[in-house]
Amino acid sequence: MAAITTSASDCVENIAMNWRPVLLCALIAVSLWHAWQQWTLRAVHPPDGQIAPYDPQQTNVDDATIVRLGHWQLKQRAHYDITARILSREDYRFDPLAALIPEDLALGWGPMSDNRVLKDLEVTQSARFYSWRPRGALPIARQEVIEHSANTHVIPANDTVRAQLKRLRVGQLVHLRGTLVDGVRDDGAYVNTSLTRSDSGAGSCEIVLVDLVENPL
């Protein structure tokens, strides 16, 4: 009987050939998953008009309760209740705050929830900031834009809220209830919430420990 010999290069080639179908299936699965995510999170297109006409409601807490989440201690500053239009959303997985704040929502209310205003503004998010710029003449006064929109760092209070926040879509009307908080991490890093709607720039974001998510429409 003739001896059967196999060279190292033959082994490598056989392994590569066996892995090709697996790799192809994995690439197809990833593509289908990405397409599904894009579809489920596609933008909503509400009718014209102020779909969120009222300002957020903020009330003082009775005491400065400390909440522990992972490596963070959160100090409650104020109760917060907001119904707003989602102007933009940005998910974070790898930045220093991602473990605490997996998602930012740029929210608009009053005139900043109206298509007729928003069509003249370009809204973007990156690096934990929300930015806007007019496409031509400002449709409303600059201070009106500032006082009726905000970049909101959302902290899910539990797994149910986390799942609900992940499903939110741009253009959607959302009702969030929770607490504005300051946070200190075990290594000394810290974040502080804004307590006013009239500020802008660094430090102007609301940091909300969210315990309720509802979609009014």
N, C-alpha and C. Protein backbone atom coordinates (compact mmCIF):
# COMPACT_ATOMS: atom_id res chain seq x y z
N MET A 1 0.87 -1.18 0.00
CA MET A 1 0.00 0.00 0.00
C MET A 1 0.90 1.23 0.00
N ALA A 2 0.54 2.19 -0.83
CA ALA A 2 1.35 3.40 -0.92
C ALA A 2 1.12 4.26 0.30
N ALA A 3 2.17 4.89 0.78
CA ALA A 3 2.07 5.77 1.94
C ALA A 3 1.40 7.08 1.55
N ILE A 4 0.59 7.59 2.45
CA ILE A 4 -0.09 8.86 2.22
C ILE A 4 0.65 9.93 3.01
N THR A 5 1.12 10.91 2.32
CA THR A 5 1.86 11.98 2.98
C THR A 5 1.12 13.30 2.80
N THR A 6 1.16 14.11 3.80
CA THR A 6 0.50 15.42 3.76
C THR A 6 1.50 16.48 4.21
N SER A 7 1.69 17.47 3.39
CA SER A 7 2.63 18.53 3.74
C SER A 7 1.95 19.55 4.64
N ALA A 8 2.77 20.39 5.29
CA ALA A 8 2.23 21.45 6.15
C ALA A 8 1.39 22.43 5.35
N SER A 9 1.80 22.71 4.13
CA SER A 9 1.03 23.65 3.31
C SER A 9 -0.34 23.08 2.96
N ASP A 10 -0.39 21.73 2.75
CA ASP A 10 -1.70 21.11 2.48
C ASP A 10 -2.63 21.24 3.67
N CYS A 11 -2.08 21.07 4.88
CA CYS A 11 -2.90 21.21 6.09
C CYS A 11 -3.45 22.61 6.22
N VAL A 12 -2.60 23.59 5.99
CA VAL A 12 -3.04 24.98 6.08
C VAL A 12 -4.13 25.26 5.07
N GLU A 13 -3.95 24.74 3.86
CA GLU A 13 -4.95 24.97 2.81
C GLU A 13 -6.28 24.32 3.16
N ASN A 14 -6.21 23.08 3.71
CA ASN A 14 -7.45 22.38 4.09
C ASN A 14 -8.19 23.12 5.20
N ILE A 15 -7.43 23.62 6.18
CA ILE A 15 -8.06 24.38 7.27
C ILE A 15 -8.73 25.64 6.73
N ALA A 16 -8.00 26.33 5.83
CA ALA A 16 -8.56 27.55 5.25
C ALA A 16 -9.83 27.27 4.48
N MET A 17 -9.84 26.16 3.72
CA MET A 17 -11.03 25.82 2.94
C MET A 17 -12.20 25.47 3.85
N ASN A 18 -11.91 24.79 4.96
CA ASN A 18 -12.98 24.42 5.88
C ASN A 18 -13.56 25.64 6.60
N TRP A 19 -12.73 26.64 6.83
CA TRP A 19 -13.18 27.82 7.55
C TRP A 19 -13.91 28.82 6.66
N ARG A 20 -13.73 28.73 5.35
CA ARG A 20 -14.35 29.71 4.45
C ARG A 20 -15.87 29.74 4.56
N PRO A 21 -16.54 28.58 4.55
CA PRO A 21 -18.01 28.63 4.71
C PRO A 21 -18.44 29.21 6.05
N VAL A 22 -17.67 28.88 7.12
CA VAL A 22 -18.00 29.41 8.44
C VAL A 22 -17.85 30.93 8.45
N LEU A 23 -16.75 31.42 7.87
CA LEU A 23 -16.51 32.87 7.82
C LEU A 23 -17.58 33.56 7.00
N LEU A 24 -17.95 32.94 5.87
CA LEU A 24 -18.98 33.53 5.02
C LEU A 24 -20.31 33.62 5.77
N CYS A 25 -20.67 32.56 6.48
CA CYS A 25 -21.92 32.57 7.25
C CYS A 25 -21.89 33.64 8.34
N ALA A 26 -20.72 33.78 8.98
CA ALA A 26 -20.59 34.79 10.04
C ALA A 26 -20.75 36.19 9.47
N LEU A 27 -20.16 36.45 8.31
CA LEU A 27 -20.28 37.76 7.68
C LEU A 27 -21.72 38.05 7.28
N ILE A 28 -22.40 37.04 6.76
CA ILE A 28 -23.81 37.20 6.39
C ILE A 28 -24.66 37.49 7.62
N ALA A 29 -24.39 36.75 8.71
CA ALA A 29 -25.15 36.95 9.95
C ALA A 29 -24.95 38.36 10.49
N VAL A 30 -23.69 38.84 10.48
CA VAL A 30 -23.42 40.19 10.96
C VAL A 30 -24.12 41.23 10.09
N SER A 31 -24.11 41.02 8.78
CA SER A 31 -24.77 41.95 7.86
C SER A 31 -26.28 41.99 8.09
N LEU A 32 -26.87 40.81 8.29
CA LEU A 32 -28.31 40.74 8.54
C LEU A 32 -28.67 41.40 9.87
N TRP A 33 -27.81 41.17 10.90
CA TRP A 33 -28.06 41.78 12.21
C TRP A 33 -27.98 43.29 12.10
N HIS A 34 -26.97 43.80 11.38
CA HIS A 34 -26.83 45.25 11.22
C HIS A 34 -28.03 45.83 10.47
N ALA A 35 -28.47 45.14 9.42
CA ALA A 35 -29.63 45.62 8.66
C ALA A 35 -30.89 45.63 9.53
N TRP A 36 -31.04 44.61 10.36
CA TRP A 36 -32.20 44.55 11.27
C TRP A 36 -32.16 45.68 12.28
N GLN A 37 -30.97 45.95 12.83
CA GLN A 37 -30.83 47.06 13.77
C GLN A 37 -31.18 48.39 13.11
N GLN A 38 -30.71 48.58 11.89
CA GLN A 38 -31.01 49.82 11.16
C GLN A 38 -32.52 49.96 10.93
N TRP A 39 -33.17 48.86 10.64
CA TRP A 39 -34.61 48.90 10.36
C TRP A 39 -35.40 49.18 11.64
N THR A 40 -35.07 48.47 12.72
CA THR A 40 -35.83 48.65 13.95
C THR A 40 -35.61 50.02 14.57
N LEU A 41 -34.47 50.66 14.29
CA LEU A 41 -34.18 51.98 14.85
C LEU A 41 -34.35 53.10 13.82
N ARG A 42 -35.07 52.81 12.73
CA ARG A 42 -35.28 53.83 11.70
C ARG A 42 -36.03 55.02 12.27
N ALA A 43 -35.79 56.18 11.72
CA ALA A 43 -36.39 57.41 12.23
C ALA A 43 -37.90 57.41 12.08
N VAL A 44 -38.57 58.06 13.02
CA VAL A 44 -40.01 58.28 12.99
C VAL A 44 -40.26 59.68 12.42
N HIS A 45 -41.35 59.86 11.68
CA HIS A 45 -41.65 61.15 11.07
C HIS A 45 -43.02 61.64 11.55
N PRO A 46 -43.05 62.36 12.67
CA PRO A 46 -44.32 62.84 13.23
C PRO A 46 -44.89 63.99 12.41
N PRO A 47 -46.15 64.35 12.63
CA PRO A 47 -46.75 65.47 11.90
C PRO A 47 -46.19 66.80 12.36
N ASP A 48 -46.45 67.86 11.58
CA ASP A 48 -46.03 69.20 11.96
C ASP A 48 -46.73 69.64 13.25
N GLY A 49 -46.09 70.59 13.92
CA GLY A 49 -46.64 71.11 15.17
C GLY A 49 -45.77 70.70 16.34
N GLN A 50 -45.98 71.34 17.46
CA GLN A 50 -45.21 71.05 18.66
C GLN A 50 -45.75 69.78 19.31
N ILE A 51 -45.09 68.67 19.06
CA ILE A 51 -45.59 67.40 19.59
C ILE A 51 -45.23 67.23 21.07
N ALA A 52 -44.33 68.07 21.57
CA ALA A 52 -43.97 68.06 23.01
C ALA A 52 -44.01 69.51 23.49
N PRO A 53 -45.19 70.05 23.77
CA PRO A 53 -45.32 71.48 24.01
C PRO A 53 -44.85 71.97 25.38
N TYR A 54 -44.65 71.06 26.34
CA TYR A 54 -44.42 71.51 27.71
C TYR A 54 -42.95 71.37 28.12
N ASP A 55 -42.51 72.30 28.99
CA ASP A 55 -41.15 72.26 29.51
C ASP A 55 -40.96 71.08 30.46
N PRO A 56 -39.74 70.59 30.60
CA PRO A 56 -39.47 69.55 31.61
C PRO A 56 -39.82 70.05 33.02
N GLN A 57 -40.23 69.13 33.86
CA GLN A 57 -40.57 69.45 35.24
C GLN A 57 -39.43 68.99 36.16
N GLN A 58 -38.97 69.90 37.01
CA GLN A 58 -37.88 69.60 37.92
C GLN A 58 -38.24 70.05 39.33
N THR A 59 -38.09 69.16 40.30
CA THR A 59 -38.38 69.49 41.70
C THR A 59 -37.26 68.98 42.58
N ASN A 60 -37.02 69.69 43.67
CA ASN A 60 -35.94 69.32 44.58
C ASN A 60 -36.21 67.97 45.24
N VAL A 61 -35.15 67.24 45.55
CA VAL A 61 -35.29 65.99 46.30
C VAL A 61 -35.37 66.33 47.78
N ASP A 62 -36.00 65.46 48.56
CA ASP A 62 -36.13 65.69 50.00
C ASP A 62 -34.79 65.56 50.71
N ASP A 63 -33.96 64.64 50.24
CA ASP A 63 -32.62 64.50 50.81
C ASP A 63 -31.69 64.02 49.69
N ALA A 64 -30.41 64.20 49.90
CA ALA A 64 -29.41 63.84 48.89
C ALA A 64 -29.07 62.35 49.00
N THR A 65 -29.99 61.51 48.56
CA THR A 65 -29.79 60.07 48.62
C THR A 65 -28.64 59.65 47.71
N ILE A 66 -27.83 58.72 48.19
CA ILE A 66 -26.74 58.17 47.39
C ILE A 66 -27.15 56.81 46.85
N VAL A 67 -27.04 56.64 45.52
CA VAL A 67 -27.36 55.37 44.88
C VAL A 67 -26.07 54.76 44.35
N ARG A 68 -25.89 53.48 44.58
CA ARG A 68 -24.69 52.78 44.11
C ARG A 68 -25.03 52.00 42.85
N LEU A 69 -24.28 52.26 41.75
CA LEU A 69 -24.41 51.49 40.51
C LEU A 69 -23.01 51.11 40.05
N GLY A 70 -22.68 49.82 40.17
CA GLY A 70 -21.36 49.37 39.76
C GLY A 70 -20.26 50.10 40.52
N HIS A 71 -19.36 50.72 39.78
CA HIS A 71 -18.24 51.45 40.40
C HIS A 71 -18.59 52.92 40.66
N TRP A 72 -19.85 53.28 40.54
CA TRP A 72 -20.25 54.68 40.69
C TRP A 72 -21.15 54.88 41.89
N GLN A 73 -20.97 56.01 42.57
CA GLN A 73 -21.91 56.50 43.56
C GLN A 73 -22.62 57.72 42.97
N LEU A 74 -23.94 57.67 42.94
CA LEU A 74 -24.76 58.72 42.33
C LEU A 74 -25.49 59.50 43.41
N LYS A 75 -25.29 60.79 43.43
CA LYS A 75 -25.97 61.66 44.38
C LYS A 75 -27.17 62.31 43.71
N GLN A 76 -28.36 62.07 44.23
CA GLN A 76 -29.57 62.63 43.64
C GLN A 76 -29.64 64.13 43.89
N ARG A 77 -29.93 64.89 42.81
CA ARG A 77 -30.01 66.34 42.93
C ARG A 77 -31.43 66.87 42.79
N ALA A 78 -32.21 66.27 41.89
CA ALA A 78 -33.57 66.76 41.66
C ALA A 78 -34.38 65.69 40.93
N HIS A 79 -35.67 65.64 41.22
CA HIS A 79 -36.57 64.81 40.44
C HIS A 79 -36.75 65.46 39.06
N TYR A 80 -36.87 64.63 38.03
CA TYR A 80 -36.92 65.16 36.67
C TYR A 80 -37.95 64.38 35.87
N ASP A 81 -38.80 65.12 35.17
CA ASP A 81 -39.87 64.52 34.36
C ASP A 81 -39.93 65.27 33.05
N ILE A 82 -39.74 64.58 31.94
CA ILE A 82 -39.68 65.25 30.64
C ILE A 82 -40.40 64.43 29.58
N THR A 83 -41.18 65.12 28.77
CA THR A 83 -41.75 64.55 27.56
C THR A 83 -41.19 65.36 26.40
N ALA A 84 -40.48 64.71 25.49
CA ALA A 84 -39.75 65.44 24.46
C ALA A 84 -39.65 64.60 23.20
N ARG A 85 -39.28 65.27 22.14
CA ARG A 85 -39.00 64.61 20.87
C ARG A 85 -37.51 64.25 20.82
N ILE A 86 -37.22 63.06 20.33
CA ILE A 86 -35.83 62.64 20.19
C ILE A 86 -35.27 63.23 18.89
N LEU A 87 -34.35 64.17 19.05
CA LEU A 87 -33.73 64.82 17.89
C LEU A 87 -32.58 63.99 17.33
N SER A 88 -31.91 63.27 18.20
CA SER A 88 -30.78 62.43 17.82
C SER A 88 -30.49 61.49 18.98
N ARG A 89 -29.80 60.40 18.69
CA ARG A 89 -29.38 59.49 19.75
C ARG A 89 -28.00 58.95 19.40
N GLU A 90 -27.20 58.68 20.42
CA GLU A 90 -25.85 58.15 20.20
C GLU A 90 -25.57 57.12 21.29
N ASP A 91 -25.18 55.92 20.86
CA ASP A 91 -24.84 54.86 21.79
C ASP A 91 -23.33 54.83 22.01
N TYR A 92 -22.92 54.48 23.23
CA TYR A 92 -21.50 54.42 23.57
C TYR A 92 -21.19 53.08 24.23
N ARG A 93 -20.10 52.45 23.79
CA ARG A 93 -19.70 51.16 24.35
C ARG A 93 -18.32 51.19 24.98
N PHE A 94 -17.45 52.06 24.50
CA PHE A 94 -16.05 51.96 24.87
C PHE A 94 -15.48 53.21 25.53
N ASP A 95 -16.25 54.30 25.62
CA ASP A 95 -15.68 55.50 26.22
C ASP A 95 -15.71 55.36 27.75
N PRO A 96 -15.04 56.25 28.49
CA PRO A 96 -14.93 56.09 29.95
C PRO A 96 -16.25 56.08 30.71
N LEU A 97 -17.31 56.61 30.11
CA LEU A 97 -18.61 56.68 30.81
C LEU A 97 -19.57 55.59 30.37
N ALA A 98 -19.18 54.77 29.40
CA ALA A 98 -20.12 53.84 28.78
C ALA A 98 -20.72 52.84 29.78
N ALA A 99 -19.95 52.42 30.76
CA ALA A 99 -20.48 51.46 31.72
C ALA A 99 -21.63 52.04 32.53
N LEU A 100 -21.60 53.35 32.75
CA LEU A 100 -22.66 54.01 33.51
C LEU A 100 -23.73 54.58 32.59
N ILE A 101 -23.28 55.24 31.51
CA ILE A 101 -24.19 55.95 30.60
C ILE A 101 -24.01 55.37 29.20
N PRO A 102 -24.80 54.36 28.84
CA PRO A 102 -24.62 53.71 27.54
C PRO A 102 -25.21 54.49 26.37
N GLU A 103 -25.95 55.55 26.66
CA GLU A 103 -26.67 56.24 25.58
C GLU A 103 -26.90 57.70 25.93
N ASP A 104 -26.77 58.56 24.93
CA ASP A 104 -27.15 59.97 25.04
C ASP A 104 -28.33 60.23 24.12
N LEU A 105 -29.27 61.03 24.59
CA LEU A 105 -30.41 61.46 23.79
C LEU A 105 -30.39 62.98 23.67
N ALA A 106 -30.39 63.48 22.45
CA ALA A 106 -30.63 64.90 22.23
C ALA A 106 -32.14 65.07 22.17
N LEU A 107 -32.70 65.82 23.11
CA LEU A 107 -34.15 65.96 23.26
C LEU A 107 -34.59 67.38 22.97
N GLY A 108 -35.76 67.51 22.36
CA GLY A 108 -36.31 68.83 22.07
C GLY A 108 -37.77 68.91 22.48
N TRP A 109 -38.17 70.08 22.98
CA TRP A 109 -39.56 70.31 23.37
C TRP A 109 -39.95 71.71 22.93
N GLY A 110 -41.26 72.04 23.07
CA GLY A 110 -41.72 73.34 22.59
C GLY A 110 -41.40 73.49 21.11
N PRO A 111 -40.86 74.64 20.68
CA PRO A 111 -40.57 74.84 19.26
C PRO A 111 -39.56 73.83 18.71
N MET A 112 -38.72 73.28 19.58
CA MET A 112 -37.73 72.30 19.12
C MET A 112 -38.30 70.88 18.98
N SER A 113 -39.62 70.78 19.04
CA SER A 113 -40.28 69.51 18.73
C SER A 113 -41.12 69.62 17.47
N ASP A 114 -40.97 70.73 16.75
CA ASP A 114 -41.81 71.03 15.59
C ASP A 114 -41.00 70.85 14.30
N ASN A 115 -41.53 70.04 13.38
CA ASN A 115 -40.86 69.83 12.09
C ASN A 115 -40.51 71.14 11.40
N ARG A 116 -41.37 72.13 11.51
CA ARG A 116 -41.20 73.38 10.76
C ARG A 116 -39.99 74.17 11.26
N VAL A 117 -39.58 73.92 12.47
CA VAL A 117 -38.35 74.51 13.01
C VAL A 117 -37.16 73.61 12.71
N LEU A 118 -37.34 72.32 12.96
CA LEU A 118 -36.22 71.38 12.85
C LEU A 118 -35.72 71.21 11.43
N LYS A 119 -36.58 71.44 10.44
CA LYS A 119 -36.12 71.27 9.05
C LYS A 119 -35.03 72.27 8.68
N ASP A 120 -34.92 73.36 9.43
CA ASP A 120 -33.91 74.38 9.15
C ASP A 120 -32.68 74.25 10.05
N LEU A 121 -32.60 73.15 10.81
CA LEU A 121 -31.47 72.92 11.72
C LEU A 121 -30.84 71.56 11.44
N GLU A 122 -29.53 71.52 11.52
CA GLU A 122 -28.81 70.25 11.43
C GLU A 122 -28.35 69.86 12.83
N VAL A 123 -28.78 68.69 13.27
CA VAL A 123 -28.49 68.21 14.63
C VAL A 123 -27.52 67.03 14.56
N THR A 124 -26.45 67.07 15.35
CA THR A 124 -25.49 65.98 15.41
C THR A 124 -25.09 65.70 16.85
N GLN A 125 -24.51 64.53 17.08
CA GLN A 125 -23.97 64.16 18.38
C GLN A 125 -22.63 63.46 18.18
N SER A 126 -21.69 63.73 19.06
CA SER A 126 -20.43 63.00 19.09
C SER A 126 -19.68 63.38 20.35
N ALA A 127 -18.85 62.44 20.84
CA ALA A 127 -17.99 62.69 21.99
C ALA A 127 -18.75 63.27 23.18
N ARG A 128 -20.00 62.80 23.36
CA ARG A 128 -20.85 63.20 24.49
C ARG A 128 -21.40 64.62 24.37
N PHE A 129 -21.29 65.22 23.18
CA PHE A 129 -21.84 66.55 22.96
C PHE A 129 -22.97 66.48 21.93
N TYR A 130 -23.94 67.37 22.07
CA TYR A 130 -25.00 67.58 21.08
C TYR A 130 -24.75 68.93 20.43
N SER A 131 -24.78 68.96 19.10
CA SER A 131 -24.53 70.20 18.36
C SER A 131 -25.65 70.47 17.37
N TRP A 132 -25.87 71.71 17.11
CA TRP A 132 -26.84 72.10 16.08
C TRP A 132 -26.30 73.30 15.32
N ARG A 133 -26.73 73.41 14.07
CA ARG A 133 -26.38 74.58 13.29
C ARG A 133 -27.47 74.83 12.26
N PRO A 134 -27.74 76.09 11.95
CA PRO A 134 -28.80 76.40 11.00
C PRO A 134 -28.38 76.08 9.57
N ARG A 135 -29.32 75.65 8.78
CA ARG A 135 -29.05 75.41 7.36
C ARG A 135 -29.13 76.69 6.55
N GLY A 136 -29.72 77.71 7.14
CA GLY A 136 -29.83 79.04 6.53
C GLY A 136 -30.03 80.03 7.65
N ALA A 137 -31.08 80.83 7.53
CA ALA A 137 -31.43 81.75 8.61
C ALA A 137 -31.99 80.94 9.79
N LEU A 138 -31.68 81.39 11.01
CA LEU A 138 -32.22 80.72 12.19
C LEU A 138 -33.74 80.79 12.19
N PRO A 139 -34.42 79.65 12.35
CA PRO A 139 -35.89 79.68 12.34
C PRO A 139 -36.48 80.27 13.62
N ILE A 140 -35.73 80.19 14.73
CA ILE A 140 -36.13 80.80 16.01
C ILE A 140 -34.87 81.39 16.63
N ALA A 141 -35.03 82.18 17.67
CA ALA A 141 -33.87 82.80 18.32
C ALA A 141 -32.94 81.73 18.89
N ARG A 142 -31.64 82.05 18.91
CA ARG A 142 -30.65 81.11 19.40
C ARG A 142 -30.95 80.65 20.83
N GLN A 143 -31.35 81.59 21.70
CA GLN A 143 -31.64 81.23 23.08
C GLN A 143 -32.85 80.32 23.18
N GLU A 144 -33.78 80.46 22.24
CA GLU A 144 -34.94 79.57 22.21
C GLU A 144 -34.50 78.14 21.92
N VAL A 145 -33.54 77.99 21.00
CA VAL A 145 -33.01 76.66 20.70
C VAL A 145 -32.36 76.07 21.95
N ILE A 146 -31.54 76.88 22.62
CA ILE A 146 -30.83 76.41 23.82
C ILE A 146 -31.79 76.01 24.92
N GLU A 147 -32.82 76.83 25.15
CA GLU A 147 -33.73 76.59 26.27
C GLU A 147 -34.78 75.52 26.00
N HIS A 148 -34.84 75.05 24.75
CA HIS A 148 -35.85 74.05 24.41
C HIS A 148 -35.23 72.77 23.83
N SER A 149 -33.96 72.55 24.13
CA SER A 149 -33.31 71.31 23.72
C SER A 149 -32.15 71.04 24.65
N ALA A 150 -31.76 69.78 24.73
CA ALA A 150 -30.66 69.42 25.63
C ALA A 150 -30.10 68.06 25.27
N ASN A 151 -28.80 67.92 25.49
CA ASN A 151 -28.19 66.60 25.41
C ASN A 151 -28.36 65.93 26.77
N THR A 152 -29.00 64.78 26.77
CA THR A 152 -29.36 64.12 28.02
C THR A 152 -28.64 62.79 28.14
N HIS A 153 -27.78 62.68 29.15
CA HIS A 153 -27.10 61.42 29.44
C HIS A 153 -28.07 60.55 30.24
N VAL A 154 -28.46 59.42 29.68
CA VAL A 154 -29.45 58.58 30.34
C VAL A 154 -28.79 57.35 30.98
N ILE A 155 -29.04 57.20 32.28
CA ILE A 155 -28.54 56.06 33.04
C ILE A 155 -29.72 55.13 33.32
N PRO A 156 -29.74 53.92 32.80
CA PRO A 156 -30.86 53.02 33.09
C PRO A 156 -30.82 52.54 34.53
N ALA A 157 -31.94 52.67 35.22
CA ALA A 157 -32.01 52.25 36.62
C ALA A 157 -32.07 50.73 36.76
N ASN A 158 -32.50 50.03 35.69
CA ASN A 158 -32.60 48.58 35.74
C ASN A 158 -32.56 48.03 34.32
N ASP A 159 -32.59 46.72 34.18
CA ASP A 159 -32.47 46.09 32.87
C ASP A 159 -33.67 46.38 31.97
N THR A 160 -34.87 46.51 32.57
CA THR A 160 -36.06 46.81 31.78
C THR A 160 -35.92 48.18 31.13
N VAL A 161 -35.50 49.17 31.89
CA VAL A 161 -35.30 50.51 31.36
C VAL A 161 -34.19 50.51 30.31
N ARG A 162 -33.12 49.75 30.57
CA ARG A 162 -32.01 49.66 29.60
C ARG A 162 -32.53 49.17 28.24
N ALA A 163 -33.35 48.12 28.26
CA ALA A 163 -33.89 47.57 27.01
C ALA A 163 -34.80 48.57 26.31
N GLN A 164 -35.61 49.31 27.08
CA GLN A 164 -36.51 50.31 26.50
C GLN A 164 -35.73 51.46 25.86
N LEU A 165 -34.68 51.91 26.53
CA LEU A 165 -33.87 53.00 25.98
C LEU A 165 -33.19 52.60 24.67
N LYS A 166 -32.79 51.34 24.58
CA LYS A 166 -32.12 50.86 23.37
C LYS A 166 -33.04 50.88 22.16
N ARG A 167 -34.35 50.82 22.40
CA ARG A 167 -35.30 50.74 21.28
C ARG A 167 -35.82 52.11 20.83
N LEU A 168 -35.41 53.19 21.48
CA LEU A 168 -35.90 54.51 21.13
C LEU A 168 -35.38 54.94 19.76
N ARG A 169 -36.24 55.69 19.03
CA ARG A 169 -35.92 56.08 17.66
C ARG A 169 -35.97 57.58 17.49
N VAL A 170 -35.13 58.09 16.62
CA VAL A 170 -35.12 59.53 16.30
C VAL A 170 -36.49 59.93 15.75
N GLY A 171 -36.99 61.06 16.22
CA GLY A 171 -38.31 61.54 15.81
C GLY A 171 -39.43 61.12 16.74
N GLN A 172 -39.15 60.15 17.58
CA GLN A 172 -40.16 59.61 18.48
C GLN A 172 -40.41 60.56 19.65
N LEU A 173 -41.63 60.55 20.15
CA LEU A 173 -41.98 61.26 21.36
C LEU A 173 -41.74 60.30 22.53
N VAL A 174 -41.02 60.76 23.55
CA VAL A 174 -40.72 59.89 24.68
C VAL A 174 -40.96 60.64 25.99
N HIS A 175 -41.44 59.90 26.97
CA HIS A 175 -41.62 60.43 28.32
C HIS A 175 -40.62 59.71 29.23
N LEU A 176 -39.74 60.47 29.85
CA LEU A 176 -38.77 59.93 30.79
C LEU A 176 -39.01 60.50 32.17
N ARG A 177 -38.92 59.64 33.16
CA ARG A 177 -39.01 60.09 34.55
C ARG A 177 -37.83 59.51 35.33
N GLY A 178 -37.25 60.35 36.17
CA GLY A 178 -36.12 59.87 36.94
C GLY A 178 -35.57 60.95 37.84
N THR A 179 -34.26 60.90 38.05
CA THR A 179 -33.60 61.82 38.97
C THR A 179 -32.33 62.36 38.34
N LEU A 180 -32.15 63.67 38.41
CA LEU A 180 -30.89 64.27 38.00
C LEU A 180 -29.84 63.93 39.06
N VAL A 181 -28.67 63.48 38.59
CA VAL A 181 -27.66 63.00 39.54
C VAL A 181 -26.26 63.52 39.19
N ASP A 182 -25.44 63.64 40.23
CA ASP A 182 -23.99 63.77 40.08
C ASP A 182 -23.40 62.40 40.37
N GLY A 183 -22.27 62.09 39.73
CA GLY A 183 -21.67 60.78 39.93
C GLY A 183 -20.19 60.86 40.24
N VAL A 184 -19.74 59.97 41.13
CA VAL A 184 -18.31 59.83 41.45
C VAL A 184 -17.94 58.36 41.32
N ARG A 185 -16.92 58.09 40.51
CA ARG A 185 -16.45 56.72 40.32
C ARG A 185 -15.42 56.38 41.39
N ASP A 186 -15.19 55.09 41.62
CA ASP A 186 -14.29 54.65 42.67
C ASP A 186 -12.88 55.20 42.50
N ASP A 187 -12.48 55.46 41.25
CA ASP A 187 -11.12 55.97 41.02
C ASP A 187 -11.03 57.49 41.11
N GLY A 188 -12.15 58.14 41.46
CA GLY A 188 -12.14 59.59 41.63
C GLY A 188 -12.71 60.37 40.47
N ALA A 189 -12.92 59.74 39.32
CA ALA A 189 -13.54 60.42 38.19
C ALA A 189 -14.96 60.83 38.58
N TYR A 190 -15.44 61.94 38.00
CA TYR A 190 -16.76 62.42 38.39
C TYR A 190 -17.48 63.08 37.22
N VAL A 191 -18.79 63.14 37.32
CA VAL A 191 -19.65 63.85 36.37
C VAL A 191 -20.70 64.60 37.18
N ASN A 192 -21.06 65.79 36.71
CA ASN A 192 -22.08 66.60 37.38
C ASN A 192 -23.19 66.96 36.40
N THR A 193 -24.42 66.87 36.86
CA THR A 193 -25.55 67.20 36.01
C THR A 193 -25.80 68.70 35.95
N SER A 194 -26.37 69.15 34.85
CA SER A 194 -26.91 70.51 34.78
C SER A 194 -28.24 70.54 35.53
N LEU A 195 -28.54 71.68 36.13
CA LEU A 195 -29.81 71.85 36.84
C LEU A 195 -30.65 72.96 36.23
N THR A 196 -30.28 73.41 35.03
CA THR A 196 -31.01 74.46 34.35
C THR A 196 -31.09 74.15 32.87
N ARG A 197 -32.09 74.68 32.21
CA ARG A 197 -32.25 74.46 30.77
C ARG A 197 -31.67 75.61 29.95
N SER A 198 -31.11 76.61 30.59
CA SER A 198 -30.66 77.80 29.87
C SER A 198 -29.17 77.82 29.61
N ASP A 199 -28.45 76.75 30.00
CA ASP A 199 -27.00 76.74 29.79
C ASP A 199 -26.65 76.04 28.48
N SER A 200 -25.39 76.15 28.08
CA SER A 200 -24.90 75.50 26.88
C SER A 200 -23.42 75.22 27.04
N GLY A 201 -22.87 74.37 26.18
CA GLY A 201 -21.46 74.04 26.24
C GLY A 201 -21.16 72.96 27.26
N ALA A 202 -19.87 72.82 27.60
CA ALA A 202 -19.45 71.78 28.54
C ALA A 202 -20.14 71.96 29.89
N GLY A 203 -20.61 70.85 30.44
CA GLY A 203 -21.28 70.89 31.74
C GLY A 203 -22.76 71.20 31.67
N SER A 204 -23.31 71.34 30.47
CA SER A 204 -24.72 71.73 30.34
C SER A 204 -25.65 70.54 30.14
N CYS A 205 -25.11 69.32 30.14
CA CYS A 205 -25.94 68.14 29.90
C CYS A 205 -26.66 67.70 31.17
N GLU A 206 -27.90 67.28 31.00
CA GLU A 206 -28.64 66.68 32.09
C GLU A 206 -28.21 65.20 32.21
N ILE A 207 -27.92 64.77 33.41
CA ILE A 207 -27.57 63.36 33.68
C ILE A 207 -28.73 62.77 34.46
N VAL A 208 -29.47 61.87 33.85
CA VAL A 208 -30.72 61.38 34.43
C VAL A 208 -30.63 59.89 34.72
N LEU A 209 -30.84 59.54 35.97
CA LEU A 209 -31.05 58.15 36.35
C LEU A 209 -32.51 57.85 36.05
N VAL A 210 -32.77 57.10 34.98
CA VAL A 210 -34.12 56.92 34.44
C VAL A 210 -34.76 55.68 35.05
N ASP A 211 -35.97 55.87 35.63
CA ASP A 211 -36.70 54.73 36.17
C ASP A 211 -38.00 54.48 35.44
N LEU A 212 -38.36 55.35 34.48
CA LEU A 212 -39.58 55.13 33.69
C LEU A 212 -39.36 55.64 32.27
N VAL A 213 -39.74 54.81 31.30
CA VAL A 213 -39.72 55.18 29.88
C VAL A 213 -41.08 54.87 29.30
N GLU A 214 -41.69 55.89 28.69
CA GLU A 214 -42.99 55.69 28.04
C GLU A 214 -42.97 56.38 26.69
N ASN A 215 -43.75 55.81 25.76
CA ASN A 215 -43.92 56.40 24.43
C ASN A 215 -45.38 56.86 24.31
N PRO A 216 -45.61 58.17 24.52
CA PRO A 216 -47.00 58.67 24.53
C PRO A 216 -47.74 58.46 23.23
N LEU A 217 -47.02 58.47 22.08
CA LEU A 217 -47.69 58.29 20.79
C LEU A 217 -47.30 56.97 20.18
